[in-house]
PDB file of N, CA and C in Angstrom:
ATOM      1  N   UNK A   1     106.094  52.416  83.594  1.00  0.00           N
ATOM      2  CA  UNK A   1     104.995  51.711  84.202  1.00  0.00           C
ATOM      3  C   UNK A   1     103.916  52.720  84.549  1.00  0.00           C
ATOM      4  N   UNK A   2     102.684  52.394  84.203  1.00  0.00           N
ATOM      5  CA  UNK A   2     101.545  53.220  84.596  1.00  0.00           C
ATOM      6  C   UNK A   2     100.782  52.450  85.659  1.00  0.00           C
ATOM      7  N   UNK A   3     100.657  53.037  86.823  1.00  0.00           N
ATOM      8  CA  UNK A   3      99.981  52.424  87.955  1.00  0.00           C
ATOM      9  C   UNK A   3      98.639  53.103  88.170  1.00  0.00           C
ATOM     10  N   UNK A   4      97.576  52.314  88.252  1.00  0.00           N
ATOM     11  CA  UNK A   4      96.254  52.841  88.582  1.00  0.00           C
ATOM     12  C   UNK A   4      95.827  52.149  89.868  1.00  0.00           C
ATOM     13  N   UNK A   5      95.871  52.880  90.973  1.00  0.00           N
ATOM     14  CA  UNK A   5      95.529  52.324  92.276  1.00  0.00           C
ATOM     15  C   UNK A   5      94.830  53.394  93.100  1.00  0.00           C
ATOM     16  N   UNK A   6      94.298  52.977  94.227  1.00  0.00           N
ATOM     17  CA  UNK A   6      93.601  53.916  95.088  1.00  0.00           C
ATOM     18  C   UNK A   6      94.361  54.284  96.341  1.00  0.00           C
ATOM     19  N   UNK A   7      95.523  53.676  96.526  1.00  0.00           N
ATOM     20  CA  UNK A   7      96.331  53.983  97.698  1.00  0.00           C
ATOM     21  C   UNK A   7      97.760  53.528  97.431  1.00  0.00           C
ATOM     22  N   UNK A   8      98.600  53.716  98.394  1.00  0.00           N
ATOM     23  CA  UNK A   8      99.989  53.292  98.262  1.00  0.00           C
ATOM     24  C   UNK A   8     100.045  51.772  98.138  1.00  0.00           C
ATOM     25  N   UNK A   9     100.922  51.290  97.268  1.00  0.00           N
ATOM     26  CA  UNK A   9     101.131  49.855  97.085  1.00  0.00           C
ATOM     27  C   UNK A   9     102.632  49.578  97.110  1.00  0.00           C
ATOM     28  N   UNK A  10     103.015  48.305  97.183  1.00  0.00           N
ATOM     29  CA  UNK A  10     104.428  47.939  97.203  1.00  0.00           C
ATOM     30  C   UNK A  10     105.017  48.115  95.798  1.00  0.00           C
ATOM     31  N   UNK A  11     106.001  48.997  95.675  1.00  0.00           N
ATOM     32  CA  UNK A  11     106.589  49.297  94.368  1.00  0.00           C
ATOM     33  C   UNK A  11     108.104  49.139  94.343  1.00  0.00           C
ATOM     34  N   UNK A  12     108.659  48.395  95.270  1.00  0.00           N
ATOM     35  CA  UNK A  12     110.111  48.247  95.320  1.00  0.00           C
ATOM     36  C   UNK A  12     110.662  47.638  94.036  1.00  0.00           C
ATOM     37  N   UNK A  13     110.039  46.569  93.525  1.00  0.00           N
ATOM     38  CA  UNK A  13     110.515  45.937  92.305  1.00  0.00           C
ATOM     39  C   UNK A  13     110.450  46.921  91.140  1.00  0.00           C
ATOM     40  N   UNK A  14     109.319  47.597  90.992  1.00  0.00           N
ATOM     41  CA  UNK A  14     109.161  48.562  89.900  1.00  0.00           C
ATOM     42  C   UNK A  14     110.163  49.706  90.033  1.00  0.00           C
ATOM     43  N   UNK A  15     110.415  50.155  91.236  1.00  0.00           N
ATOM     44  CA  UNK A  15     111.381  51.230  91.456  1.00  0.00           C
ATOM     45  C   UNK A  15     112.772  50.820  90.981  1.00  0.00           C
ATOM     46  N   UNK A  16     113.117  49.549  91.138  1.00  0.00           N
ATOM     47  CA  UNK A  16     114.440  49.062  90.740  1.00  0.00           C
ATOM     48  C   UNK A  16     114.523  48.707  89.257  1.00  0.00           C
ATOM     49  N   UNK A  17     113.391  48.392  88.601  1.00  0.00           N
ATOM     50  CA  UNK A  17     113.440  47.877  87.237  1.00  0.00           C
ATOM     51  C   UNK A  17     112.781  48.757  86.173  1.00  0.00           C
ATOM     52  N   UNK A  18     111.835  49.576  86.521  1.00  0.00           N
ATOM     53  CA  UNK A  18     111.151  50.408  85.530  1.00  0.00           C
ATOM     54  C   UNK A  18     111.918  51.711  85.331  1.00  0.00           C
ATOM     55  N   UNK A  19     111.904  52.229  84.111  1.00  0.00           N
ATOM     56  CA  UNK A  19     112.546  53.513  83.838  1.00  0.00           C
ATOM     57  C   UNK A  19     111.790  54.669  84.483  1.00  0.00           C
ATOM     58  N   UNK A  20     110.489  54.517  84.603  1.00  0.00           N
ATOM     59  CA  UNK A  20     109.660  55.554  85.216  1.00  0.00           C
ATOM     60  C   UNK A  20     108.368  54.920  85.710  1.00  0.00           C
ATOM     61  N   UNK A  21     107.758  55.550  86.697  1.00  0.00           N
ATOM     62  CA  UNK A  21     106.465  55.094  87.218  1.00  0.00           C
ATOM     63  C   UNK A  21     105.539  56.301  87.223  1.00  0.00           C
ATOM     64  N   UNK A  22     104.401  56.145  86.578  1.00  0.00           N
ATOM     65  CA  UNK A  22     103.386  57.193  86.585  1.00  0.00           C
ATOM     66  C   UNK A  22     102.198  56.671  87.385  1.00  0.00           C
ATOM     67  N   UNK A  23     101.842  57.353  88.468  1.00  0.00           N
ATOM     68  CA  UNK A  23     100.682  56.993  89.277  1.00  0.00           C
ATOM     69  C   UNK A  23      99.491  57.752  88.724  1.00  0.00           C
ATOM     70  N   UNK A  24      98.526  57.016  88.163  1.00  0.00           N
ATOM     71  CA  UNK A  24      97.359  57.643  87.540  1.00  0.00           C
ATOM     72  C   UNK A  24      96.131  57.644  88.449  1.00  0.00           C
ATOM     73  N   UNK A  25      96.208  57.007  89.599  1.00  0.00           N
ATOM     74  CA  UNK A  25      95.100  56.891  90.548  1.00  0.00           C
ATOM     75  C   UNK A  25      93.858  56.370  89.845  1.00  0.00           C
ATOM     76  N   UNK A  26      92.712  57.022  90.017  1.00  0.00           N
ATOM     77  CA  UNK A  26      91.469  56.674  89.315  1.00  0.00           C
ATOM     78  C   UNK A  26      91.201  57.805  88.331  1.00  0.00           C
ATOM     79  N   UNK A  27      91.658  57.680  87.100  1.00  0.00           N
ATOM     80  CA  UNK A  27      91.661  58.847  86.212  1.00  0.00           C
ATOM     81  C   UNK A  27      90.314  59.213  85.599  1.00  0.00           C
ATOM     82  N   UNK A  28      89.310  58.392  85.668  1.00  0.00           N
ATOM     83  CA  UNK A  28      88.007  58.754  85.123  1.00  0.00           C
ATOM     84  C   UNK A  28      87.886  58.493  83.637  1.00  0.00           C
ATOM     85  N   UNK A  29      86.803  58.996  83.044  1.00  0.00           N
ATOM     86  CA  UNK A  29      86.450  58.683  81.660  1.00  0.00           C
ATOM     87  C   UNK A  29      87.499  59.160  80.651  1.00  0.00           C
ATOM     88  N   UNK A  30      88.171  60.254  80.904  1.00  0.00           N
ATOM     89  CA  UNK A  30      89.209  60.760  80.002  1.00  0.00           C
ATOM     90  C   UNK A  30      90.604  60.339  80.449  1.00  0.00           C
ATOM     91  N   UNK A  31      90.662  59.364  81.343  1.00  0.00           N
ATOM     92  CA  UNK A  31      91.944  58.919  81.881  1.00  0.00           C
ATOM     93  C   UNK A  31      92.895  58.397  80.833  1.00  0.00           C
ATOM     94  N   UNK A  32      92.398  57.591  79.909  1.00  0.00           N
ATOM     95  CA  UNK A  32      93.260  57.058  78.856  1.00  0.00           C
ATOM     96  C   UNK A  32      93.876  58.165  78.022  1.00  0.00           C
ATOM     97  N   UNK A  33      93.083  59.167  77.692  1.00  0.00           N
ATOM     98  CA  UNK A  33      93.575  60.312  76.916  1.00  0.00           C
ATOM     99  C   UNK A  33      94.621  61.079  77.718  1.00  0.00           C
ATOM    100  N   UNK A  34      94.332  61.324  78.983  1.00  0.00           N
ATOM    101  CA  UNK A  34      95.270  62.072  79.824  1.00  0.00           C
ATOM    102  C   UNK A  34      96.588  61.319  79.988  1.00  0.00           C
ATOM    103  N   UNK A  35      96.510  60.017  80.205  1.00  0.00           N
ATOM    104  CA  UNK A  35      97.722  59.207  80.349  1.00  0.00           C
ATOM    105  C   UNK A  35      98.524  59.227  79.052  1.00  0.00           C
ATOM    106  N   UNK A  36      97.861  59.031  77.915  1.00  0.00           N
ATOM    107  CA  UNK A  36      98.555  59.044  76.625  1.00  0.00           C
ATOM    108  C   UNK A  36      99.212  60.395  76.364  1.00  0.00           C
ATOM    109  N   UNK A  37      98.514  61.493  76.651  1.00  0.00           N
ATOM    110  CA  UNK A  37      99.090  62.827  76.436  1.00  0.00           C
ATOM    111  C   UNK A  37     100.303  63.049  77.335  1.00  0.00           C
ATOM    112  N   UNK A  38     100.242  62.552  78.558  1.00  0.00           N
ATOM    113  CA  UNK A  38     101.371  62.697  79.478  1.00  0.00           C
ATOM    114  C   UNK A  38     102.560  61.882  78.987  1.00  0.00           C
ATOM    115  N   UNK A  39     102.323  60.633  78.600  1.00  0.00           N
ATOM    116  CA  UNK A  39     103.411  59.786  78.116  1.00  0.00           C
ATOM    117  C   UNK A  39     104.026  60.330  76.823  1.00  0.00           C
ATOM    118  N   UNK A  40     103.218  61.032  76.016  1.00  0.00           N
ATOM    119  CA  UNK A  40     103.715  61.627  74.778  1.00  0.00           C
ATOM    120  C   UNK A  40     104.404  62.969  75.020  1.00  0.00           C
ATOM    121  N   UNK A  41     104.390  63.460  76.260  1.00  0.00           N
ATOM    122  CA  UNK A  41     105.036  64.730  76.574  1.00  0.00           C
ATOM    123  C   UNK A  41     104.213  65.939  76.204  1.00  0.00           C
ATOM    124  N   UNK A  42     102.897  65.772  76.028  1.00  0.00           N
ATOM    125  CA  UNK A  42     102.039  66.889  75.631  1.00  0.00           C
ATOM    126  C   UNK A  42     101.485  67.674  76.813  1.00  0.00           C
ATOM    127  N   UNK A  43     101.646  67.163  78.010  1.00  0.00           N
ATOM    128  CA  UNK A  43     101.294  67.925  79.201  1.00  0.00           C
ATOM    129  C   UNK A  43     102.307  67.589  80.288  1.00  0.00           C
ATOM    130  N   UNK A  44     102.246  68.299  81.360  1.00  0.00           N
ATOM    131  CA  UNK A  44     103.257  68.177  82.405  1.00  0.00           C
ATOM    132  C   UNK A  44     102.667  67.528  83.649  1.00  0.00           C
ATOM    133  N   UNK A  45     103.092  66.292  83.970  1.00  0.00           N
ATOM    134  CA  UNK A  45     102.544  65.612  85.143  1.00  0.00           C
ATOM    135  C   UNK A  45     103.193  66.111  86.428  1.00  0.00           C
ATOM    136  N   UNK A  46     102.804  67.268  86.888  1.00  0.00           N
ATOM    137  CA  UNK A  46     103.463  67.892  88.028  1.00  0.00           C
ATOM    138  C   UNK A  46     102.733  67.631  89.342  1.00  0.00           C
ATOM    139  N   UNK A  47     101.928  66.590  89.401  1.00  0.00           N
ATOM    140  CA  UNK A  47     101.239  66.271  90.638  1.00  0.00           C
ATOM    141  C   UNK A  47     102.189  65.749  91.693  1.00  0.00           C
ATOM    142  N   UNK A  48     101.801  65.830  92.942  1.00  0.00           N
ATOM    143  CA  UNK A  48     102.608  65.345  94.059  1.00  0.00           C
ATOM    144  C   UNK A  48     101.811  64.287  94.815  1.00  0.00           C
ATOM    145  N   UNK A  49     102.522  63.322  95.399  1.00  0.00           N
ATOM    146  CA  UNK A  49     101.845  62.228  96.097  1.00  0.00           C
ATOM    147  C   UNK A  49     101.057  62.717  97.310  1.00  0.00           C
ATOM    148  N   UNK A  50      99.794  62.302  97.423  1.00  0.00           N
ATOM    149  CA  UNK A  50      98.997  62.661  98.587  1.00  0.00           C
ATOM    150  C   UNK A  50      99.104  61.639  99.719  1.00  0.00           C
ATOM    151  N   UNK A  51      99.933  60.608  99.519  1.00  0.00           N
ATOM    152  CA  UNK A  51     100.157  59.560 100.519  1.00  0.00           C
ATOM    153  C   UNK A  51     101.641  59.207 100.532  1.00  0.00           C
ATOM    154  N   UNK A  52     102.058  58.447 101.523  1.00  0.00           N
ATOM    155  CA  UNK A  52     103.435  57.950 101.605  1.00  0.00           C
ATOM    156  C   UNK A  52     103.481  56.531 101.062  1.00  0.00           C
ATOM    157  N   UNK A  53     104.451  56.254 100.192  1.00  0.00           N
ATOM    158  CA  UNK A  53     104.697  54.898  99.713  1.00  0.00           C
ATOM    159  C   UNK A  53     105.846  54.349 100.552  1.00  0.00           C
ATOM    160  N   UNK A  54     105.582  53.331 101.350  1.00  0.00           N
ATOM    161  CA  UNK A  54     106.573  52.775 102.261  1.00  0.00           C
ATOM    162  C   UNK A  54     107.558  51.873 101.520  1.00  0.00           C
ATOM    163  N   UNK A  55     108.805  51.829 101.961  1.00  0.00           N
ATOM    164  CA  UNK A  55     109.819  50.959 101.382  1.00  0.00           C
ATOM    165  C   UNK A  55     109.621  49.520 101.859  1.00  0.00           C
ATOM    166  N   UNK A  56     109.056  49.341 103.049  1.00  0.00           N
ATOM    167  CA  UNK A  56     108.744  48.006 103.558  1.00  0.00           C
ATOM    168  C   UNK A  56     107.721  48.153 104.677  1.00  0.00           C
ATOM    169  N   UNK A  57     107.206  47.037 105.118  1.00  0.00           N
ATOM    170  CA  UNK A  57     106.248  47.055 106.221  1.00  0.00           C
ATOM    171  C   UNK A  57     106.922  46.946 107.578  1.00  0.00           C
ATOM    172  N   UNK A  58     108.246  46.833 107.586  1.00  0.00           N
ATOM    173  CA  UNK A  58     108.978  46.774 108.849  1.00  0.00           C
ATOM    174  C   UNK A  58     108.715  48.050 109.643  1.00  0.00           C
ATOM    175  N   UNK A  59     108.276  47.893 110.864  1.00  0.00           N
ATOM    176  CA  UNK A  59     108.021  49.047 111.717  1.00  0.00           C
ATOM    177  C   UNK A  59     106.633  49.628 111.586  1.00  0.00           C
ATOM    178  N   UNK A  60     105.860  49.183 110.601  1.00  0.00           N
ATOM    179  CA  UNK A  60     104.486  49.666 110.460  1.00  0.00           C
ATOM    180  C   UNK A  60     103.621  48.851 111.421  1.00  0.00           C
ATOM    181  N   UNK A  61     102.877  49.506 112.302  1.00  0.00           N
ATOM    182  CA  UNK A  61     102.067  48.755 113.268  1.00  0.00           C
ATOM    183  C   UNK A  61     100.966  47.947 112.575  1.00  0.00           C
ATOM    184  N   UNK A  62     100.602  46.818 113.160  1.00  0.00           N
ATOM    185  CA  UNK A  62      99.474  46.051 112.653  1.00  0.00           C
ATOM    186  C   UNK A  62      98.205  46.880 112.833  1.00  0.00           C
ATOM    187  N   UNK A  63      97.195  46.580 112.051  1.00  0.00           N
ATOM    188  CA  UNK A  63      95.976  47.369 112.140  1.00  0.00           C
ATOM    189  C   UNK A  63      95.088  46.980 113.314  1.00  0.00           C
ATOM    190  N   UNK A  64      95.654  46.246 114.268  1.00  0.00           N
ATOM    191  CA  UNK A  64      94.972  46.063 115.544  1.00  0.00           C
ATOM    192  C   UNK A  64      95.308  47.238 116.457  1.00  0.00           C
ATOM    193  N   UNK A  65      96.326  48.006 116.057  1.00  0.00           N
ATOM    194  CA  UNK A  65      96.746  49.219 116.766  1.00  0.00           C
ATOM    195  C   UNK A  65      96.328  50.403 115.899  1.00  0.00           C
ATOM    196  N   UNK A  66      95.344  51.158 116.340  1.00  0.00           N
ATOM    197  CA  UNK A  66      94.806  52.239 115.527  1.00  0.00           C
ATOM    198  C   UNK A  66      95.410  53.610 115.843  1.00  0.00           C
ATOM    199  N   UNK A  67      96.517  53.621 116.572  1.00  0.00           N
ATOM    200  CA  UNK A  67      97.164  54.907 116.825  1.00  0.00           C
ATOM    201  C   UNK A  67      97.863  55.370 115.547  1.00  0.00           C
ATOM    202  N   UNK A  68      98.231  56.589 115.469  1.00  0.00           N
ATOM    203  CA  UNK A  68      98.902  57.134 114.300  1.00  0.00           C
ATOM    204  C   UNK A  68     100.419  56.975 114.368  1.00  0.00           C
ATOM    205  N   UNK A  69     100.947  56.525 115.520  1.00  0.00           N
ATOM    206  CA  UNK A  69     102.396  56.394 115.672  1.00  0.00           C
ATOM    207  C   UNK A  69     102.970  55.501 114.576  1.00  0.00           C
ATOM    208  N   UNK A  70     103.983  56.019 113.871  1.00  0.00           N
ATOM    209  CA  UNK A  70     104.701  55.330 112.798  1.00  0.00           C
ATOM    210  C   UNK A  70     103.809  54.990 111.608  1.00  0.00           C
ATOM    211  N   UNK A  71     102.770  55.775 111.428  1.00  0.00           N
ATOM    212  CA  UNK A  71     101.836  55.584 110.323  1.00  0.00           C
ATOM    213  C   UNK A  71     101.561  56.949 109.692  1.00  0.00           C
ATOM    214  N   UNK A  72     101.326  57.001 108.455  1.00  0.00           N
ATOM    215  CA  UNK A  72     101.068  58.198 107.641  1.00  0.00           C
ATOM    216  C   UNK A  72     102.314  59.083 107.555  1.00  0.00           C
ATOM    217  N   UNK A  73     102.315  59.966 106.590  1.00  0.00           N
ATOM    218  CA  UNK A  73     103.480  60.832 106.353  1.00  0.00           C
ATOM    219  C   UNK A  73     103.836  61.667 107.579  1.00  0.00           C
ATOM    220  N   UNK A  74     102.869  62.028 108.359  1.00  0.00           N
ATOM    221  CA  UNK A  74     103.111  62.917 109.489  1.00  0.00           C
ATOM    222  C   UNK A  74     103.792  62.220 110.660  1.00  0.00           C
ATOM    223  N   UNK A  75     103.498  60.956 110.862  1.00  0.00           N
ATOM    224  CA  UNK A  75     103.982  60.251 112.045  1.00  0.00           C
ATOM    225  C   UNK A  75     104.976  59.135 111.732  1.00  0.00           C
ATOM    226  N   UNK A  76     105.228  58.861 110.460  1.00  0.00           N
ATOM    227  CA  UNK A  76     106.128  57.775 110.084  1.00  0.00           C
ATOM    228  C   UNK A  76     107.571  58.162 110.374  1.00  0.00           C
ATOM    229  N   UNK A  77     108.288  57.316 111.124  1.00  0.00           N
ATOM    230  CA  UNK A  77     109.659  57.635 111.525  1.00  0.00           C
ATOM    231  C   UNK A  77     110.701  56.997 110.615  1.00  0.00           C
ATOM    232  N   UNK A  78     110.286  56.050 109.768  1.00  0.00           N
ATOM    233  CA  UNK A  78     111.231  55.354 108.895  1.00  0.00           C
ATOM    234  C   UNK A  78     111.529  56.136 107.625  1.00  0.00           C
ATOM    235  N   UNK A  79     112.297  55.508 106.741  1.00  0.00           N
ATOM    236  CA  UNK A  79     112.637  56.116 105.452  1.00  0.00           C
ATOM    237  C   UNK A  79     111.679  55.544 104.406  1.00  0.00           C
ATOM    238  N   UNK A  80     110.797  56.362 103.835  1.00  0.00           N
ATOM    239  CA  UNK A  80     109.840  55.853 102.856  1.00  0.00           C
ATOM    240  C   UNK A  80     110.496  55.641 101.488  1.00  0.00           C
ATOM    241  N   UNK A  81     109.847  54.859 100.639  1.00  0.00           N
ATOM    242  CA  UNK A  81     110.268  54.749  99.251  1.00  0.00           C
ATOM    243  C   UNK A  81     110.062  56.112  98.588  1.00  0.00           C
ATOM    244  N   UNK A  82     108.855  56.648  98.732  1.00  0.00           N
ATOM    245  CA  UNK A  82     108.537  58.013  98.314  1.00  0.00           C
ATOM    246  C   UNK A  82     107.613  58.611  99.362  1.00  0.00           C
ATOM    247  N   UNK A  83     107.966  59.759  99.872  1.00  0.00           N
ATOM    248  CA  UNK A  83     107.176  60.392 100.915  1.00  0.00           C
ATOM    249  C   UNK A  83     106.057  61.251 100.362  1.00  0.00           C
ATOM    250  N   UNK A  84     105.156  61.615 101.253  1.00  0.00           N
ATOM    251  CA  UNK A  84     104.068  62.538 100.941  1.00  0.00           C
ATOM    252  C   UNK A  84     104.639  63.768 100.234  1.00  0.00           C
ATOM    253  N   UNK A  85     104.047  64.173  99.135  1.00  0.00           N
ATOM    254  CA  UNK A  85     104.476  65.360  98.412  1.00  0.00           C
ATOM    255  C   UNK A  85     105.530  65.108  97.350  1.00  0.00           C
ATOM    256  N   UNK A  86     106.034  63.866  97.238  1.00  0.00           N
ATOM    257  CA  UNK A  86     107.057  63.565  96.239  1.00  0.00           C
ATOM    258  C   UNK A  86     106.444  63.603  94.848  1.00  0.00           C
ATOM    259  N   UNK A  87     107.193  64.056  93.894  1.00  0.00           N
ATOM    260  CA  UNK A  87     106.752  64.044  92.502  1.00  0.00           C
ATOM    261  C   UNK A  87     107.772  64.718  91.617  1.00  0.00           C
ATOM    262  N   UNK A  88     107.782  64.323  90.368  1.00  0.00           N
ATOM    263  CA  UNK A  88     108.705  64.890  89.392  1.00  0.00           C
ATOM    264  C   UNK A  88     107.930  65.570  88.286  1.00  0.00           C
ATOM    265  N   UNK A  89     108.655  66.240  87.430  1.00  0.00           N
ATOM    266  CA  UNK A  89     108.070  66.983  86.328  1.00  0.00           C
ATOM    267  C   UNK A  89     108.939  66.779  85.091  1.00  0.00           C
ATOM    268  N   UNK A  90     108.399  67.032  83.928  1.00  0.00           N
ATOM    269  CA  UNK A  90     109.172  66.976  82.688  1.00  0.00           C
ATOM    270  C   UNK A  90     110.028  68.221  82.503  1.00  0.00           C
ATOM    271  N   UNK A  91     109.892  69.180  83.367  1.00  0.00           N
ATOM    272  CA  UNK A  91     110.593  70.446  83.177  1.00  0.00           C
ATOM    273  C   UNK A  91     111.118  70.958  84.512  1.00  0.00           C
ATOM    274  N   UNK A  92     111.745  72.101  84.504  1.00  0.00           N
ATOM    275  CA  UNK A  92     112.240  72.723  85.736  1.00  0.00           C
ATOM    276  C   UNK A  92     111.615  74.104  85.867  1.00  0.00           C
ATOM    277  N   UNK A  93     111.551  74.588  87.103  1.00  0.00           N
ATOM    278  CA  UNK A  93     110.924  75.874  87.368  1.00  0.00           C
ATOM    279  C   UNK A  93     111.833  76.742  88.223  1.00  0.00           C
ATOM    280  N   UNK A  94     111.669  78.024  88.088  1.00  0.00           N
ATOM    281  CA  UNK A  94     112.338  78.998  88.952  1.00  0.00           C
ATOM    282  C   UNK A  94     111.242  79.686  89.752  1.00  0.00           C
ATOM    283  N   UNK A  95     111.397  79.739  91.067  1.00  0.00           N
ATOM    284  CA  UNK A  95     110.396  80.332  91.951  1.00  0.00           C
ATOM    285  C   UNK A  95     110.933  81.612  92.562  1.00  0.00           C
ATOM    286  N   UNK A  96     110.125  82.651  92.618  1.00  0.00           N
ATOM    287  CA  UNK A  96     110.507  83.857  93.335  1.00  0.00           C
ATOM    288  C   UNK A  96     110.214  85.098  92.526  1.00  0.00           C
ATOM    289  N   UNK A  97     110.220  86.239  93.077  1.00  0.00           N
ATOM    290  CA  UNK A  97     110.309  86.470  94.521  1.00  0.00           C
ATOM    291  C   UNK A  97     108.970  86.190  95.204  1.00  0.00           C
ATOM    292  N   UNK A  98     109.039  85.930  96.488  1.00  0.00           N
ATOM    293  CA  UNK A  98     107.869  85.638  97.307  1.00  0.00           C
ATOM    294  C   UNK A  98     107.420  86.917  97.993  1.00  0.00           C
ATOM    295  N   UNK A  99     106.117  87.204  97.949  1.00  0.00           N
ATOM    296  CA  UNK A  99     105.588  88.409  98.588  1.00  0.00           C
ATOM    297  C   UNK A  99     104.405  88.037  99.474  1.00  0.00           C
ATOM    298  N   UNK A 100     104.437  88.461 100.749  1.00  0.00           N
ATOM    299  CA  UNK A 100     103.352  88.221 101.693  1.00  0.00           C
ATOM    300  C   UNK A 100     102.484  89.464 101.791  1.00  0.00           C
ATOM    301  N   UNK A 101     101.181  89.283 101.998  1.00  0.00           N
ATOM    302  CA  UNK A 101     100.271  90.427 102.109  1.00  0.00           C
ATOM    303  C   UNK A 101     100.456  91.176 103.417  1.00  0.00           C
ATOM    304  N   UNK A 102     101.122  90.548 104.391  1.00  0.00           N
ATOM    305  CA  UNK A 102     101.361  91.189 105.676  1.00  0.00           C
ATOM    306  C   UNK A 102     102.621  90.596 106.300  1.00  0.00           C
ATOM    307  N   UNK A 103     103.348  91.419 107.035  1.00  0.00           N
ATOM    308  CA  UNK A 103     104.548  90.929 107.719  1.00  0.00           C
ATOM    309  C   UNK A 103     104.218  90.273 109.053  1.00  0.00           C
ATOM    310  N   UNK A 104     103.031  90.535 109.582  1.00  0.00           N
ATOM    311  CA  UNK A 104     102.579  89.907 110.820  1.00  0.00           C
ATOM    312  C   UNK A 104     101.231  89.243 110.553  1.00  0.00           C
ATOM    313  N   UNK A 105     100.897  88.285 111.391  1.00  0.00           N
ATOM    314  CA  UNK A 105      99.660  87.545 111.176  1.00  0.00           C
ATOM    315  C   UNK A 105      98.977  87.294 112.506  1.00  0.00           C
ATOM    316  N   UNK A 106      97.706  87.633 112.582  1.00  0.00           N
ATOM    317  CA  UNK A 106      96.886  87.355 113.745  1.00  0.00           C
ATOM    318  C   UNK A 106      96.108  86.068 113.489  1.00  0.00           C
ATOM    319  N   UNK A 107      95.894  85.273 114.547  1.00  0.00           N
ATOM    320  CA  UNK A 107      95.137  84.031 114.409  1.00  0.00           C
ATOM    321  C   UNK A 107      93.782  84.300 113.774  1.00  0.00           C
ATOM    322  N   UNK A 108      93.445  83.508 112.764  1.00  0.00           N
ATOM    323  CA  UNK A 108      92.155  83.642 112.095  1.00  0.00           C
ATOM    324  C   UNK A 108      92.139  84.631 110.947  1.00  0.00           C
ATOM    325  N   UNK A 109      93.184  85.429 110.799  1.00  0.00           N
ATOM    326  CA  UNK A 109      93.240  86.417 109.719  1.00  0.00           C
ATOM    327  C   UNK A 109      93.829  85.779 108.460  1.00  0.00           C
ATOM    328  N   UNK A 110      93.371  86.213 107.293  1.00  0.00           N
ATOM    329  CA  UNK A 110      93.913  85.641 106.053  1.00  0.00           C
ATOM    330  C   UNK A 110      95.321  86.170 105.740  1.00  0.00           C
ATOM    331  N   UNK A 111      96.056  85.381 104.999  1.00  0.00           N
ATOM    332  CA  UNK A 111      97.375  85.768 104.512  1.00  0.00           C
ATOM    333  C   UNK A 111      97.444  85.381 103.050  1.00  0.00           C
ATOM    334  N   UNK A 112      97.796  86.319 102.206  1.00  0.00           N
ATOM    335  CA  UNK A 112      97.944  86.049 100.784  1.00  0.00           C
ATOM    336  C   UNK A 112      99.424  85.987 100.453  1.00  0.00           C
ATOM    337  N   UNK A 113      99.806  84.942  99.739  1.00  0.00           N
ATOM    338  CA  UNK A 113     101.188  84.771  99.304  1.00  0.00           C
ATOM    339  C   UNK A 113     101.198  84.832  97.785  1.00  0.00           C
ATOM    340  N   UNK A 114     102.063  85.669  97.242  1.00  0.00           N
ATOM    341  CA  UNK A 114     102.201  85.804  95.798  1.00  0.00           C
ATOM    342  C   UNK A 114     103.622  85.429  95.410  1.00  0.00           C
ATOM    343  N   UNK A 115     103.756  84.606  94.379  1.00  0.00           N
ATOM    344  CA  UNK A 115     105.076  84.194  93.921  1.00  0.00           C
ATOM    345  C   UNK A 115     105.066  84.110  92.395  1.00  0.00           C
ATOM    346  N   UNK A 116     106.169  84.485  91.796  1.00  0.00           N
ATOM    347  CA  UNK A 116     106.328  84.354  90.358  1.00  0.00           C
ATOM    348  C   UNK A 116     106.976  83.004  90.076  1.00  0.00           C
ATOM    349  N   UNK A 117     106.391  82.257  89.143  1.00  0.00           N
ATOM    350  CA  UNK A 117     106.937  80.959  88.752  1.00  0.00           C
ATOM    351  C   UNK A 117     107.245  81.008  87.265  1.00  0.00           C
ATOM    352  N   UNK A 118     108.476  80.628  86.915  1.00  0.00           N
ATOM    353  CA  UNK A 118     108.905  80.657  85.524  1.00  0.00           C
ATOM    354  C   UNK A 118     109.357  79.259  85.095  1.00  0.00           C
ATOM    355  N   UNK A 119     108.844  78.773  83.983  1.00  0.00           N
ATOM    356  CA  UNK A 119     109.269  77.502  83.421  1.00  0.00           C
ATOM    357  C   UNK A 119     110.638  77.721  82.784  1.00  0.00           C
ATOM    358  N   UNK A 120     111.686  77.141  83.363  1.00  0.00           N
ATOM    359  CA  UNK A 120     113.048  77.339  82.872  1.00  0.00           C
ATOM    360  C   UNK A 120     113.563  76.145  82.082  1.00  0.00           C
ATOM    361  N   UNK A 121     112.735  75.124  81.907  1.00  0.00           N
ATOM    362  CA  UNK A 121     113.170  73.930  81.194  1.00  0.00           C
ATOM    363  C   UNK A 121     112.976  74.037  79.701  1.00  0.00           C
ATOM    364  N   UNK A 122     113.341  72.973  79.012  1.00  0.00           N
ATOM    365  CA  UNK A 122     113.230  72.961  77.558  1.00  0.00           C
ATOM    366  C   UNK A 122     111.809  72.700  77.096  1.00  0.00           C
ATOM    367  N   UNK A 123     110.919  72.263  77.989  1.00  0.00           N
ATOM    368  CA  UNK A 123     109.531  71.974  77.634  1.00  0.00           C
ATOM    369  C   UNK A 123     108.622  73.146  77.966  1.00  0.00           C
ATOM    370  N   UNK A 124     108.947  74.316  77.471  1.00  0.00           N
ATOM    371  CA  UNK A 124     108.190  75.514  77.825  1.00  0.00           C
ATOM    372  C   UNK A 124     106.823  75.568  77.167  1.00  0.00           C
ATOM    373  N   UNK A 125     106.569  74.746  76.153  1.00  0.00           N
ATOM    374  CA  UNK A 125     105.285  74.790  75.469  1.00  0.00           C
ATOM    375  C   UNK A 125     104.222  73.959  76.175  1.00  0.00           C
ATOM    376  N   UNK A 126     104.586  73.217  77.206  1.00  0.00           N
ATOM    377  CA  UNK A 126     103.618  72.357  77.893  1.00  0.00           C
ATOM    378  C   UNK A 126     102.559  73.183  78.604  1.00  0.00           C
ATOM    379  N   UNK A 127     101.329  72.649  78.618  1.00  0.00           N
ATOM    380  CA  UNK A 127     100.239  73.311  79.312  1.00  0.00           C
ATOM    381  C   UNK A 127      99.858  72.507  80.518  1.00  0.00           C
TER     382      UNK A 127
END
C-alpha cells in the first residue's frame, strides 16, 4: 500500500492486511518516479516517521483540551501503532565506532559526532 497523506491516519486495517505500507507524504512533481523506484528496489526508503501513528483514539484528549498531555510522541503514554522515528529499510547496517569531538561539553558549545556506517545487507548497490 502506498499512502500519500499529510499527517498520521488510521492504518489498523492496512497494518493487518497489507504486506507493506509506504508513506509517501506529499512527494512533489517527481513523486511518482521516486515511489516507482522505491517499489522496484532501486533506492532505499530509509526515512523515519516524523509523527506518531496511534493504534486507536482511546485516551487521546478531545481537541477542546489543548494541553500536550497524552498527545504527540513526546507526551503520549499509550502504545502507538508506530511511534515517532519508526521506519524500515530494504537493507541492514552496521554502526560504529562512534567518536566524539570532546569528552566534556559546555552549554552552548558545539559537539561533533563521527560514526562509520556500513551497508551489511544484500542490497549494497542501492543509492
